[in-house]
Every structure is written in structure tokens, then in C-alpha cells.
């Protein structure tokens, strides 16, 4: 397989004793910044409870609405 042009340039810089771009990049030291966890039941229920616009049909507070129209 052929070596890319960028890799050739990096090797040439290393042979000349210059700083390689790989050395300039920061290291995370084992930290994975993109780790995601699935929500637990407790966190899902808390999110649903604190939602701004809750579905009041699912709430059980023993209340009802009586609506009367006259024709």
C-alpha cells in the first residue's frame, strides 16, 4: 500500500529533527470524552416529573372535568 503524502511529510520532519504534529496534539490520558450512559429508571421518572408541559391525563389525582355545552 502506498504511504500518504501527509505521512511522508511527518516522517521527513522527524528525520530533520523538527517537532512532529503528532507531538503537538493533546493527550486525553485515557479519558474518553464521548462516553454515554443509558438513563436509569429513577432518572427517567425524575425527568418526566419535572417536565415543563406534563401530560395531565397520566396523573392520578382523582379529579375529573365536567364540560357542558348548550345547543
Protein backbone atom coordinates (compact mmCIF):
# COMPACT_ATOMS: atom_id res chain seq x y z
CA UNK A 1 0.00 0.00 0.00
CA UNK A 2 1.15 3.49 -0.69
CA UNK A 3 2.10 5.95 2.04
CA UNK A 4 0.03 9.10 2.11
CA UNK A 5 1.60 12.46 1.37
CA UNK A 6 0.88 13.70 4.90
CA UNK A 7 2.62 10.70 6.43
CA UNK A 8 5.64 11.28 4.20
CA UNK A 9 5.82 14.90 5.38
CA UNK A 10 5.60 13.83 9.04
CA UNK A 11 8.41 11.31 8.57
CA UNK A 12 10.54 13.94 6.84
CA UNK A 13 10.02 16.38 9.73
CA UNK A 14 11.01 13.67 12.22
CA UNK A 15 14.18 12.86 10.24
CA UNK A 16 15.14 16.55 10.22
CA UNK A 17 14.71 16.71 13.98
CA UNK A 18 11.72 19.03 13.92
CA UNK A 19 8.59 18.70 16.02
CA UNK A 20 6.05 16.31 14.57
CA UNK A 21 2.38 17.38 14.54
CA UNK A 22 1.60 14.20 16.46
CA UNK A 23 3.59 15.52 19.40
CA UNK A 24 1.71 18.82 19.36
CA UNK A 25 -1.65 17.11 19.79
CA UNK A 26 -3.01 16.96 23.31
CA UNK A 27 -3.35 13.68 25.14
CA UNK A 28 -6.51 12.64 26.96
CA UNK A 29 -4.52 10.27 29.23
CA UNK A 30 -7.10 7.50 28.98
CA UNK A 31 -10.17 9.75 29.31
CA UNK A 32 -12.92 9.01 26.82
CA UNK A 33 -14.89 12.25 26.31
CA UNK A 34 -17.74 10.69 24.33
CA UNK A 35 -18.96 8.07 26.77
CA UNK A 36 -22.71 7.89 27.11
CA UNK A 37 -24.75 6.01 29.67
CA UNK A 38 -28.30 4.84 29.37
CA UNK A 39 -30.69 6.60 31.75
CA UNK A 40 -31.78 4.74 34.85
CA UNK A 41 -35.40 4.29 35.80
CA UNK A 42 -35.02 6.86 38.57
CA UNK A 43 -33.56 9.48 36.24
CA UNK A 44 -36.23 8.87 33.59
CA UNK A 45 -39.02 9.26 36.15
CA UNK A 46 -37.44 12.43 37.55
CA UNK A 47 -37.16 13.88 34.05
CA UNK A 48 -40.80 13.08 33.31
CA UNK A 49 -41.92 14.56 36.64
CA UNK A 50 -40.06 17.84 36.15
CA UNK A 51 -41.07 18.35 32.55
CA UNK A 52 -42.49 21.78 31.84
CA UNK A 53 -45.53 20.51 29.98
CA UNK A 54 -46.64 17.29 31.62
CA UNK A 55 -49.45 15.14 30.28
CA UNK A 56 -52.11 15.62 32.93
CA UNK A 57 -54.11 12.67 31.63
CA UNK A 58 -51.47 10.34 33.10
CA UNK A 59 -51.58 11.98 36.54
CA UNK A 60 -53.72 10.19 39.12
CA UNK A 61 -55.16 12.84 41.42
CA UNK A 62 -58.80 11.60 41.47
CA UNK A 63 -60.10 14.69 39.70
CA UNK A 64 -62.32 14.99 36.67
CA UNK A 65 -63.60 17.67 34.34
CA UNK A 66 -67.26 18.21 33.65
CA UNK A 67 -67.88 20.17 30.45
CA UNK A 68 -71.41 21.13 29.46
CA UNK A 69 -72.40 22.65 26.16
CA UNK A 70 -75.77 24.09 25.30
CA UNK A 71 -77.14 23.96 21.82
